[in-house]
Structure formats: structure tokens, C-alpha cells
Amino acid sequence: ELMDIYLINRCRLFVGTNSGPNEVANLFAKPTVFVNLTEWSVGHPMKRGDLAIIKHVFSHSRNRFLSIREILEEPIGWQDFGPGLDGYSMVENTPEEIRDVIAEYLSRPEDHENSELQEAFNNERRRQIHRWFDQDGTTSQGLIGTYRIAARCDSAAGTLGQKYLEQNWHT
């Protein structure tokens, strides 16, 4: 277990998903690229400059994949790993999508700015979470879970990869 912590501490870039090790990368302030994200309320990249791509969401009722815009219009509760997931399936990112988001991260200048589309995603993500707070009040994890999401909602400054957004924002 200590070797895991050591390797994350020494890495140039942490590539992972929303799991325990990403919190270690955050503690060490390591640059991160998250792939196959299954939720973006708590598991969203924390630091400006960090990137992610989310799993594709298939809606069984519509018999098709949802665009990112549509995902952000859905009730946030379906992100939970419980009964809220009924009616949706998540499909992993392709190797090409993973390669592209890592290449995007590595090729950006240090002083880069988020694109308009990336800022639009971040703003819509925050609005989705706030709508959920206004409607439901608390998560299935109770008040502590709700506080955990609220504490990270507005402070998470990372975003989705530009190419991923361009390919999935509307379709």
C-alpha cells in the first residue's frame, strides 16, 4: 500500500478514475486526467488544468446515447450507484478517447485557459448540482453525503477534455 502512495507522490501525471487513489493524487496536488468517470459531482477533477472524460450514458427509454448537454439536464440522482441508475447504462471510454485526453493534457501550454465549451460544461455541471439540491435536499448518503458534494461543487475547477466535449456535446 505504501508503494501506491509513493508512486502517486512521484508521478508527473496521475491518470485514473474516480476512486480512492485519485484522492491521494489530490492530496499531493498532482496533475490529473480522469477517464471513465461515472459521476461528476464529487469525482470531478479538482484543480484548474485537470481534465476528465466521462463514461458514455445510454438511455434505455430513448434507446440511444445521451449527449453531454442531455446528461446535464438529467436528474443528478441517477449518478448514484444504486436504484437511481435504472433506465441507464454506462459504457466505457474508447482507447482513442483516453489517448486523446492524455495527449490534450500533455500538449497544452502551462498558461492555457479553458475554452468556452469547457466553461459551459463546468457552469452546467454546477447548475445541475444546484437544481438537485433545490429539488431533493439530500443524497442517498444523507446529510454528510450532501455536504461532501456541496463542499466540492463550486470549488472543482477541472473540466472535460476539449475534443471529447466537441464530439459529445450535442450528439
N, C-alpha and C. Protein backbone atom coordinates (compact mmCIF):
# COMPACT_ATOMS: atom_id res chain seq x y z
N GLU A 1 0.82 -1.20 0.00
CA GLU A 1 0.00 0.00 0.00
C GLU A 1 0.86 1.26 0.00
N LEU A 2 1.99 1.22 0.70
CA LEU A 2 2.86 2.39 0.73
C LEU A 2 3.47 2.68 -0.64
N MET A 3 3.73 1.63 -1.43
CA MET A 3 4.29 1.83 -2.76
C MET A 3 3.28 2.59 -3.63
N ASP A 4 1.98 2.31 -3.49
CA ASP A 4 0.97 3.05 -4.24
C ASP A 4 1.07 4.54 -3.93
N ILE A 5 1.18 4.86 -2.67
CA ILE A 5 1.27 6.26 -2.26
C ILE A 5 2.56 6.89 -2.78
N TYR A 6 3.67 6.16 -2.68
CA TYR A 6 4.95 6.65 -3.16
C TYR A 6 4.89 6.94 -4.66
N LEU A 7 4.35 6.00 -5.43
CA LEU A 7 4.29 6.19 -6.88
C LEU A 7 3.43 7.39 -7.27
N ILE A 8 2.30 7.56 -6.59
CA ILE A 8 1.46 8.72 -6.88
C ILE A 8 2.19 10.00 -6.52
N ASN A 9 2.90 10.00 -5.41
CA ASN A 9 3.66 11.17 -4.99
C ASN A 9 4.75 11.54 -6.00
N ARG A 10 5.32 10.57 -6.67
CA ARG A 10 6.44 10.80 -7.58
C ARG A 10 6.01 10.97 -9.04
N CYS A 11 4.75 10.74 -9.36
CA CYS A 11 4.32 10.77 -10.77
C CYS A 11 4.30 12.19 -11.33
N ARG A 12 4.46 12.27 -12.63
CA ARG A 12 4.35 13.55 -13.34
C ARG A 12 2.89 13.88 -13.62
N LEU A 13 2.10 12.84 -13.90
CA LEU A 13 0.69 12.99 -14.22
C LEU A 13 -0.03 11.75 -13.72
N PHE A 14 -1.09 11.95 -12.95
CA PHE A 14 -1.90 10.84 -12.47
C PHE A 14 -3.05 10.61 -13.45
N VAL A 15 -3.12 9.41 -14.01
CA VAL A 15 -4.23 9.04 -14.88
C VAL A 15 -4.99 7.94 -14.16
N GLY A 16 -6.26 8.19 -13.91
CA GLY A 16 -7.07 7.22 -13.18
C GLY A 16 -8.54 7.51 -13.36
N THR A 17 -9.32 7.01 -12.43
CA THR A 17 -10.76 7.25 -12.45
C THR A 17 -11.20 7.71 -11.07
N ASN A 18 -12.49 7.95 -10.89
CA ASN A 18 -12.94 8.42 -9.58
C ASN A 18 -12.96 7.24 -8.61
N SER A 19 -11.85 7.13 -7.89
CA SER A 19 -11.65 6.07 -6.90
C SER A 19 -10.72 6.62 -5.82
N GLY A 20 -10.40 5.80 -4.84
CA GLY A 20 -9.55 6.23 -3.74
C GLY A 20 -8.22 6.83 -4.15
N PRO A 21 -7.48 6.21 -5.07
CA PRO A 21 -6.18 6.77 -5.43
C PRO A 21 -6.24 8.20 -5.97
N ASN A 22 -7.35 8.59 -6.59
CA ASN A 22 -7.40 9.97 -7.08
C ASN A 22 -7.38 10.96 -5.93
N GLU A 23 -7.88 10.56 -4.77
CA GLU A 23 -7.82 11.45 -3.60
C GLU A 23 -6.38 11.61 -3.13
N VAL A 24 -5.59 10.56 -3.26
CA VAL A 24 -4.17 10.66 -2.91
C VAL A 24 -3.48 11.63 -3.86
N ALA A 25 -3.79 11.53 -5.16
CA ALA A 25 -3.22 12.46 -6.13
C ALA A 25 -3.63 13.90 -5.79
N ASN A 26 -4.87 14.10 -5.38
CA ASN A 26 -5.31 15.45 -4.97
C ASN A 26 -4.54 15.93 -3.75
N LEU A 27 -4.32 15.05 -2.79
CA LEU A 27 -3.57 15.43 -1.58
C LEU A 27 -2.16 15.88 -1.92
N PHE A 28 -1.55 15.23 -2.91
CA PHE A 28 -0.19 15.59 -3.32
C PHE A 28 -0.19 16.68 -4.39
N ALA A 29 -1.37 17.21 -4.73
CA ALA A 29 -1.52 18.27 -5.74
C ALA A 29 -0.92 17.86 -7.08
N LYS A 30 -1.11 16.61 -7.45
CA LYS A 30 -0.61 16.11 -8.72
C LYS A 30 -1.58 16.47 -9.84
N PRO A 31 -1.05 16.78 -11.01
CA PRO A 31 -1.94 16.98 -12.15
C PRO A 31 -2.67 15.67 -12.45
N THR A 32 -3.94 15.76 -12.83
CA THR A 32 -4.71 14.55 -13.04
C THR A 32 -5.49 14.58 -14.35
N VAL A 33 -5.64 13.39 -14.90
CA VAL A 33 -6.56 13.13 -16.01
C VAL A 33 -7.40 11.95 -15.57
N PHE A 34 -8.70 12.17 -15.46
CA PHE A 34 -9.61 11.09 -15.08
C PHE A 34 -10.31 10.57 -16.33
N VAL A 35 -10.40 9.27 -16.45
CA VAL A 35 -11.12 8.63 -17.55
C VAL A 35 -12.19 7.73 -16.96
N ASN A 36 -13.18 7.44 -17.78
CA ASN A 36 -14.28 6.58 -17.36
C ASN A 36 -14.96 7.06 -16.08
N LEU A 37 -15.09 8.38 -15.94
CA LEU A 37 -15.81 8.91 -14.78
C LEU A 37 -17.25 8.43 -14.81
N THR A 38 -17.74 8.05 -13.66
CA THR A 38 -19.13 7.61 -13.57
C THR A 38 -20.00 8.66 -12.91
N GLU A 39 -19.41 9.67 -12.35
CA GLU A 39 -20.15 10.80 -11.80
C GLU A 39 -19.23 12.00 -11.75
N TRP A 40 -19.83 13.17 -11.75
CA TRP A 40 -19.02 14.39 -11.83
C TRP A 40 -19.44 15.42 -10.79
N SER A 41 -20.12 14.96 -9.76
CA SER A 41 -20.44 15.88 -8.67
C SER A 41 -19.31 15.90 -7.65
N VAL A 42 -18.92 14.75 -7.14
CA VAL A 42 -17.81 14.66 -6.20
C VAL A 42 -16.53 14.23 -6.92
N GLY A 43 -16.64 13.36 -7.91
CA GLY A 43 -15.46 12.80 -8.56
C GLY A 43 -14.86 13.67 -9.64
N HIS A 44 -15.32 14.88 -9.79
CA HIS A 44 -14.83 15.79 -10.83
C HIS A 44 -13.40 16.24 -10.52
N PRO A 45 -12.57 16.46 -11.55
CA PRO A 45 -11.21 16.95 -11.29
C PRO A 45 -11.22 18.26 -10.51
N MET A 46 -10.36 18.35 -9.52
CA MET A 46 -10.40 19.46 -8.58
C MET A 46 -9.65 20.71 -9.03
N LYS A 47 -8.50 20.53 -9.66
CA LYS A 47 -7.64 21.68 -9.94
C LYS A 47 -7.83 22.20 -11.36
N ARG A 48 -7.72 23.52 -11.50
CA ARG A 48 -7.74 24.11 -12.84
C ARG A 48 -6.61 23.46 -13.64
N GLY A 49 -6.94 23.05 -14.84
CA GLY A 49 -5.97 22.40 -15.70
C GLY A 49 -6.15 20.88 -15.74
N ASP A 50 -6.75 20.30 -14.70
CA ASP A 50 -7.01 18.86 -14.71
C ASP A 50 -8.12 18.57 -15.72
N LEU A 51 -8.03 17.40 -16.34
CA LEU A 51 -9.01 17.03 -17.36
C LEU A 51 -9.67 15.70 -17.02
N ALA A 52 -10.80 15.47 -17.66
CA ALA A 52 -11.52 14.20 -17.48
C ALA A 52 -12.35 13.91 -18.72
N ILE A 53 -12.76 12.67 -18.82
CA ILE A 53 -13.81 12.27 -19.76
C ILE A 53 -14.72 11.32 -19.01
N ILE A 54 -16.02 11.45 -19.25
CA ILE A 54 -16.98 10.62 -18.53
C ILE A 54 -17.38 9.43 -19.41
N LYS A 55 -17.87 8.39 -18.74
CA LYS A 55 -18.41 7.26 -19.49
C LYS A 55 -19.60 7.75 -20.31
N HIS A 56 -19.83 7.07 -21.41
CA HIS A 56 -20.99 7.39 -22.23
C HIS A 56 -22.23 6.84 -21.54
N VAL A 57 -23.32 7.58 -21.61
CA VAL A 57 -24.56 7.20 -20.93
C VAL A 57 -25.60 6.81 -21.98
N PHE A 58 -26.06 5.56 -21.87
CA PHE A 58 -27.10 5.05 -22.76
C PHE A 58 -28.43 5.10 -22.03
N SER A 59 -29.41 5.74 -22.63
CA SER A 59 -30.76 5.82 -22.07
C SER A 59 -31.59 4.70 -22.69
N HIS A 60 -32.06 3.78 -21.86
CA HIS A 60 -32.88 2.68 -22.36
C HIS A 60 -34.24 3.18 -22.83
N SER A 61 -34.80 4.19 -22.18
CA SER A 61 -36.11 4.69 -22.58
C SER A 61 -36.06 5.38 -23.95
N ARG A 62 -34.91 5.99 -24.28
CA ARG A 62 -34.76 6.67 -25.57
C ARG A 62 -34.07 5.79 -26.60
N ASN A 63 -33.51 4.69 -26.14
CA ASN A 63 -32.81 3.73 -27.00
C ASN A 63 -31.64 4.38 -27.77
N ARG A 64 -30.88 5.21 -27.04
CA ARG A 64 -29.72 5.87 -27.65
C ARG A 64 -28.83 6.45 -26.56
N PHE A 65 -27.61 6.83 -26.98
CA PHE A 65 -26.69 7.50 -26.08
C PHE A 65 -27.12 8.96 -25.93
N LEU A 66 -26.89 9.49 -24.74
CA LEU A 66 -27.22 10.88 -24.48
C LEU A 66 -26.02 11.77 -24.77
N SER A 67 -26.29 12.97 -25.25
CA SER A 67 -25.22 13.96 -25.42
C SER A 67 -24.83 14.48 -24.04
N ILE A 68 -23.71 15.17 -23.96
CA ILE A 68 -23.30 15.76 -22.69
C ILE A 68 -24.36 16.77 -22.21
N ARG A 69 -24.89 17.57 -23.13
CA ARG A 69 -25.94 18.53 -22.75
C ARG A 69 -27.14 17.82 -22.15
N GLU A 70 -27.54 16.71 -22.75
CA GLU A 70 -28.68 15.96 -22.23
C GLU A 70 -28.36 15.36 -20.86
N ILE A 71 -27.16 14.86 -20.70
CA ILE A 71 -26.75 14.29 -19.41
C ILE A 71 -26.87 15.34 -18.32
N LEU A 72 -26.49 16.57 -18.64
CA LEU A 72 -26.55 17.64 -17.66
C LEU A 72 -27.97 18.11 -17.37
N GLU A 73 -28.92 17.69 -18.19
CA GLU A 73 -30.33 18.01 -17.95
C GLU A 73 -31.03 16.91 -17.16
N GLU A 74 -30.40 15.74 -17.05
CA GLU A 74 -31.00 14.62 -16.32
C GLU A 74 -30.93 14.88 -14.82
N PRO A 75 -31.79 14.22 -14.05
CA PRO A 75 -31.67 14.34 -12.59
C PRO A 75 -30.33 13.78 -12.13
N ILE A 76 -29.66 14.50 -11.26
CA ILE A 76 -28.33 14.08 -10.84
C ILE A 76 -28.34 12.78 -10.05
N GLY A 77 -29.46 12.44 -9.42
CA GLY A 77 -29.52 11.25 -8.60
C GLY A 77 -29.17 9.97 -9.34
N TRP A 78 -29.32 9.97 -10.65
CA TRP A 78 -29.02 8.74 -11.38
C TRP A 78 -27.52 8.44 -11.40
N GLN A 79 -26.69 9.40 -10.99
CA GLN A 79 -25.26 9.12 -10.90
C GLN A 79 -24.92 8.18 -9.75
N ASP A 80 -25.81 8.10 -8.76
CA ASP A 80 -25.55 7.24 -7.61
C ASP A 80 -25.47 5.79 -8.05
N PHE A 81 -24.68 5.01 -7.33
CA PHE A 81 -24.57 3.59 -7.62
C PHE A 81 -25.66 2.83 -6.89
N GLY A 82 -26.87 3.08 -7.21
CA GLY A 82 -27.98 2.44 -6.53
C GLY A 82 -29.19 2.40 -7.42
N PRO A 83 -30.35 2.44 -6.83
CA PRO A 83 -31.57 2.31 -7.62
C PRO A 83 -31.78 3.44 -8.62
N GLY A 84 -31.12 4.57 -8.44
CA GLY A 84 -31.28 5.68 -9.38
C GLY A 84 -30.73 5.40 -10.76
N LEU A 85 -29.94 4.35 -10.92
CA LEU A 85 -29.32 4.06 -12.21
C LEU A 85 -30.26 3.33 -13.15
N ASP A 86 -31.41 2.88 -12.69
CA ASP A 86 -32.37 2.19 -13.56
C ASP A 86 -32.66 3.04 -14.77
N GLY A 87 -32.69 2.40 -15.93
CA GLY A 87 -33.01 3.11 -17.16
C GLY A 87 -31.80 3.63 -17.91
N TYR A 88 -30.62 3.53 -17.31
CA TYR A 88 -29.39 4.00 -17.94
C TYR A 88 -28.32 2.92 -17.85
N SER A 89 -27.45 2.90 -18.84
CA SER A 89 -26.24 2.07 -18.79
C SER A 89 -25.07 2.98 -19.10
N MET A 90 -23.94 2.68 -18.49
CA MET A 90 -22.74 3.46 -18.75
C MET A 90 -21.77 2.59 -19.55
N VAL A 91 -21.17 3.20 -20.57
CA VAL A 91 -20.26 2.50 -21.47
C VAL A 91 -18.90 3.16 -21.38
N GLU A 92 -17.87 2.35 -21.21
CA GLU A 92 -16.52 2.86 -21.00
C GLU A 92 -16.01 3.65 -22.20
N ASN A 93 -15.07 4.54 -21.90
CA ASN A 93 -14.41 5.31 -22.94
C ASN A 93 -13.60 4.40 -23.83
N THR A 94 -13.45 4.80 -25.08
CA THR A 94 -12.64 4.03 -26.02
C THR A 94 -11.15 4.30 -25.77
N PRO A 95 -10.29 3.40 -26.19
CA PRO A 95 -8.84 3.68 -26.07
C PRO A 95 -8.45 4.98 -26.77
N GLU A 96 -9.10 5.30 -27.89
CA GLU A 96 -8.79 6.53 -28.62
C GLU A 96 -9.18 7.77 -27.80
N GLU A 97 -10.33 7.71 -27.13
CA GLU A 97 -10.74 8.84 -26.30
C GLU A 97 -9.77 9.05 -25.14
N ILE A 98 -9.32 7.95 -24.55
CA ILE A 98 -8.35 8.04 -23.45
C ILE A 98 -7.04 8.62 -23.95
N ARG A 99 -6.58 8.12 -25.09
CA ARG A 99 -5.33 8.64 -25.68
C ARG A 99 -5.46 10.13 -25.97
N ASP A 100 -6.60 10.53 -26.54
CA ASP A 100 -6.79 11.93 -26.93
C ASP A 100 -6.78 12.87 -25.73
N VAL A 101 -7.44 12.50 -24.63
CA VAL A 101 -7.48 13.41 -23.47
C VAL A 101 -6.10 13.50 -22.81
N ILE A 102 -5.36 12.41 -22.78
CA ILE A 102 -3.99 12.46 -22.23
C ILE A 102 -3.11 13.32 -23.14
N ALA A 103 -3.21 13.12 -24.46
CA ALA A 103 -2.43 13.94 -25.40
C ALA A 103 -2.79 15.42 -25.27
N GLU A 104 -4.08 15.71 -25.10
CA GLU A 104 -4.50 17.10 -24.91
C GLU A 104 -3.84 17.70 -23.68
N TYR A 105 -3.86 16.95 -22.59
CA TYR A 105 -3.25 17.46 -21.36
C TYR A 105 -1.75 17.73 -21.57
N LEU A 106 -1.05 16.77 -22.16
CA LEU A 106 0.40 16.88 -22.31
C LEU A 106 0.82 17.94 -23.32
N SER A 107 -0.04 18.29 -24.27
CA SER A 107 0.35 19.24 -25.31
C SER A 107 -0.05 20.68 -25.02
N ARG A 108 -0.81 20.91 -23.95
CA ARG A 108 -1.26 22.28 -23.64
C ARG A 108 -0.12 23.11 -23.05
N PRO A 109 -0.12 24.40 -23.34
CA PRO A 109 0.85 25.27 -22.66
C PRO A 109 0.46 25.41 -21.18
N GLU A 110 1.42 25.73 -20.36
CA GLU A 110 1.19 25.84 -18.92
C GLU A 110 0.14 26.90 -18.58
N ASP A 111 0.11 27.96 -19.35
CA ASP A 111 -0.79 29.07 -19.04
C ASP A 111 -2.09 29.01 -19.85
N HIS A 112 -2.51 27.83 -20.24
CA HIS A 112 -3.71 27.68 -21.05
C HIS A 112 -4.96 28.15 -20.30
N GLU A 113 -5.97 28.46 -21.04
CA GLU A 113 -7.28 28.82 -20.49
C GLU A 113 -8.30 27.81 -20.99
N ASN A 114 -9.32 27.56 -20.19
CA ASN A 114 -10.39 26.69 -20.65
C ASN A 114 -11.10 27.34 -21.83
N SER A 115 -11.58 26.50 -22.73
CA SER A 115 -12.35 27.01 -23.87
C SER A 115 -13.74 27.41 -23.41
N GLU A 116 -14.48 28.08 -24.28
CA GLU A 116 -15.86 28.45 -23.96
C GLU A 116 -16.70 27.20 -23.69
N LEU A 117 -16.46 26.16 -24.47
CA LEU A 117 -17.22 24.92 -24.30
C LEU A 117 -16.90 24.26 -22.96
N GLN A 118 -15.64 24.28 -22.56
CA GLN A 118 -15.26 23.72 -21.26
C GLN A 118 -15.88 24.52 -20.12
N GLU A 119 -15.89 25.84 -20.25
CA GLU A 119 -16.53 26.67 -19.22
C GLU A 119 -18.04 26.45 -19.20
N ALA A 120 -18.64 26.25 -20.38
CA ALA A 120 -20.07 25.97 -20.45
C ALA A 120 -20.37 24.66 -19.72
N PHE A 121 -19.54 23.64 -19.94
CA PHE A 121 -19.75 22.37 -19.22
C PHE A 121 -19.66 22.58 -17.72
N ASN A 122 -18.62 23.27 -17.26
CA ASN A 122 -18.47 23.49 -15.81
C ASN A 122 -19.67 24.23 -15.22
N ASN A 123 -20.14 25.26 -15.93
CA ASN A 123 -21.29 26.01 -15.44
C ASN A 123 -22.55 25.15 -15.41
N GLU A 124 -22.77 24.35 -16.45
CA GLU A 124 -23.95 23.48 -16.49
C GLU A 124 -23.87 22.39 -15.43
N ARG A 125 -22.67 21.88 -15.17
CA ARG A 125 -22.47 20.87 -14.13
C ARG A 125 -22.86 21.44 -12.77
N ARG A 126 -22.40 22.65 -12.49
CA ARG A 126 -22.76 23.29 -11.22
C ARG A 126 -24.26 23.55 -11.12
N ARG A 127 -24.87 24.00 -12.24
CA ARG A 127 -26.32 24.24 -12.23
C ARG A 127 -27.09 22.94 -11.98
N GLN A 128 -26.63 21.84 -12.57
CA GLN A 128 -27.29 20.56 -12.36
C GLN A 128 -27.25 20.17 -10.88
N ILE A 129 -26.11 20.36 -10.27
CA ILE A 129 -25.96 20.01 -8.85
C ILE A 129 -26.84 20.91 -7.99
N HIS A 130 -26.86 22.21 -8.29
CA HIS A 130 -27.70 23.13 -7.52
C HIS A 130 -29.20 22.82 -7.69
N ARG A 131 -29.61 22.45 -8.92
CA ARG A 131 -31.01 22.06 -9.14
C ARG A 131 -31.35 20.85 -8.27
N TRP A 132 -30.43 19.92 -8.21
CA TRP A 132 -30.64 18.72 -7.41
C TRP A 132 -30.77 19.07 -5.93
N PHE A 133 -29.91 19.96 -5.42
CA PHE A 133 -30.02 20.40 -4.03
C PHE A 133 -31.38 21.05 -3.79
N ASP A 134 -31.82 21.89 -4.73
CA ASP A 134 -33.09 22.59 -4.56
C ASP A 134 -34.29 21.63 -4.57
N GLN A 135 -34.20 20.57 -5.38
CA GLN A 135 -35.32 19.64 -5.51
C GLN A 135 -35.33 18.55 -4.44
N ASP A 136 -34.18 17.91 -4.25
CA ASP A 136 -34.13 16.72 -3.39
C ASP A 136 -33.62 16.98 -1.98
N GLY A 137 -32.80 17.99 -1.83
CA GLY A 137 -32.31 18.32 -0.50
C GLY A 137 -31.10 17.53 -0.05
N THR A 138 -31.19 16.21 0.00
CA THR A 138 -30.06 15.41 0.48
C THR A 138 -29.86 14.20 -0.42
N THR A 139 -28.66 13.63 -0.36
CA THR A 139 -28.34 12.45 -1.16
C THR A 139 -28.82 11.20 -0.45
N SER A 140 -28.67 10.08 -1.13
CA SER A 140 -29.00 8.79 -0.51
C SER A 140 -28.05 8.52 0.65
N GLN A 141 -26.94 9.24 0.73
CA GLN A 141 -25.98 9.08 1.81
C GLN A 141 -26.29 10.02 2.97
N GLY A 142 -27.39 10.74 2.89
CA GLY A 142 -27.81 11.62 3.97
C GLY A 142 -27.10 12.96 3.95
N LEU A 143 -27.17 13.61 5.07
CA LEU A 143 -26.64 14.97 5.19
C LEU A 143 -25.13 15.02 4.95
N ILE A 144 -24.39 14.04 5.43
CA ILE A 144 -22.93 14.03 5.24
C ILE A 144 -22.59 13.93 3.75
N GLY A 145 -23.28 13.05 3.04
CA GLY A 145 -23.04 12.93 1.60
C GLY A 145 -23.38 14.20 0.86
N THR A 146 -24.45 14.84 1.25
CA THR A 146 -24.85 16.09 0.62
C THR A 146 -23.81 17.18 0.88
N TYR A 147 -23.33 17.27 2.11
CA TYR A 147 -22.30 18.26 2.43
C TYR A 147 -21.04 18.00 1.62
N ARG A 148 -20.68 16.73 1.49
CA ARG A 148 -19.48 16.36 0.73
C ARG A 148 -19.58 16.86 -0.71
N ILE A 149 -20.75 16.70 -1.33
CA ILE A 149 -20.94 17.17 -2.69
C ILE A 149 -20.94 18.70 -2.74
N ALA A 150 -21.65 19.33 -1.81
CA ALA A 150 -21.73 20.80 -1.80
C ALA A 150 -20.36 21.42 -1.61
N ALA A 151 -19.53 20.82 -0.77
CA ALA A 151 -18.20 21.37 -0.50
C ALA A 151 -17.32 21.34 -1.74
N ARG A 152 -17.55 20.40 -2.63
CA ARG A 152 -16.71 20.27 -3.81
C ARG A 152 -17.37 20.83 -5.07
N CYS A 153 -18.63 21.12 -5.00
CA CYS A 153 -19.39 21.51 -6.18
C CYS A 153 -18.79 22.72 -6.88
N ASP A 154 -18.62 23.80 -6.19
CA ASP A 154 -18.16 25.03 -6.82
C ASP A 154 -16.64 25.16 -6.84
N SER A 155 -15.96 24.38 -6.01
CA SER A 155 -14.50 24.53 -5.96
C SER A 155 -13.79 23.67 -6.99
N ALA A 156 -14.45 22.68 -7.57
CA ALA A 156 -13.81 21.84 -8.58
C ALA A 156 -13.60 22.65 -9.85
N ALA A 157 -12.34 22.85 -10.22
CA ALA A 157 -12.02 23.74 -11.33
C ALA A 157 -11.57 23.01 -12.59
N GLY A 158 -11.42 21.69 -12.52
CA GLY A 158 -11.06 20.92 -13.71
C GLY A 158 -12.23 20.88 -14.68
N THR A 159 -12.04 20.26 -15.83
CA THR A 159 -13.10 20.21 -16.82
C THR A 159 -12.93 18.98 -17.69
N LEU A 160 -13.84 18.80 -18.63
CA LEU A 160 -13.72 17.71 -19.59
C LEU A 160 -12.78 18.11 -20.72
N GLY A 161 -12.19 17.11 -21.35
CA GLY A 161 -11.31 17.35 -22.47
C GLY A 161 -12.05 18.03 -23.62
N GLN A 162 -11.37 18.94 -24.31
CA GLN A 162 -11.97 19.72 -25.38
C GLN A 162 -12.48 18.83 -26.51
N LYS A 163 -11.65 17.92 -27.00
CA LYS A 163 -12.06 17.07 -28.12
C LYS A 163 -13.25 16.20 -27.73
N TYR A 164 -13.23 15.68 -26.52
CA TYR A 164 -14.34 14.85 -26.02
C TYR A 164 -15.63 15.67 -25.99
N LEU A 165 -15.54 16.90 -25.50
CA LEU A 165 -16.72 17.77 -25.48
C LEU A 165 -17.22 18.07 -26.89
N GLU A 166 -16.30 18.39 -27.77
CA GLU A 166 -16.70 18.70 -29.15
C GLU A 166 -17.42 17.53 -29.80
N GLN A 167 -16.97 16.31 -29.53
CA GLN A 167 -17.57 15.13 -30.14
C GLN A 167 -18.87 14.69 -29.47
N ASN A 168 -19.10 15.11 -28.21
CA ASN A 168 -20.23 14.59 -27.46
C ASN A 168 -21.18 15.65 -26.90
N TRP A 169 -20.93 16.92 -27.13
CA TRP A 169 -21.76 17.97 -26.53
C TRP A 169 -23.20 17.92 -27.06
N HIS A 170 -23.35 17.77 -28.36
CA HIS A 170 -24.68 17.79 -28.97
C HIS A 170 -25.18 16.42 -29.39
N THR A 171 -24.30 15.47 -29.57
CA THR A 171 -24.73 14.15 -30.07
C THR A 171 -24.20 13.03 -29.20
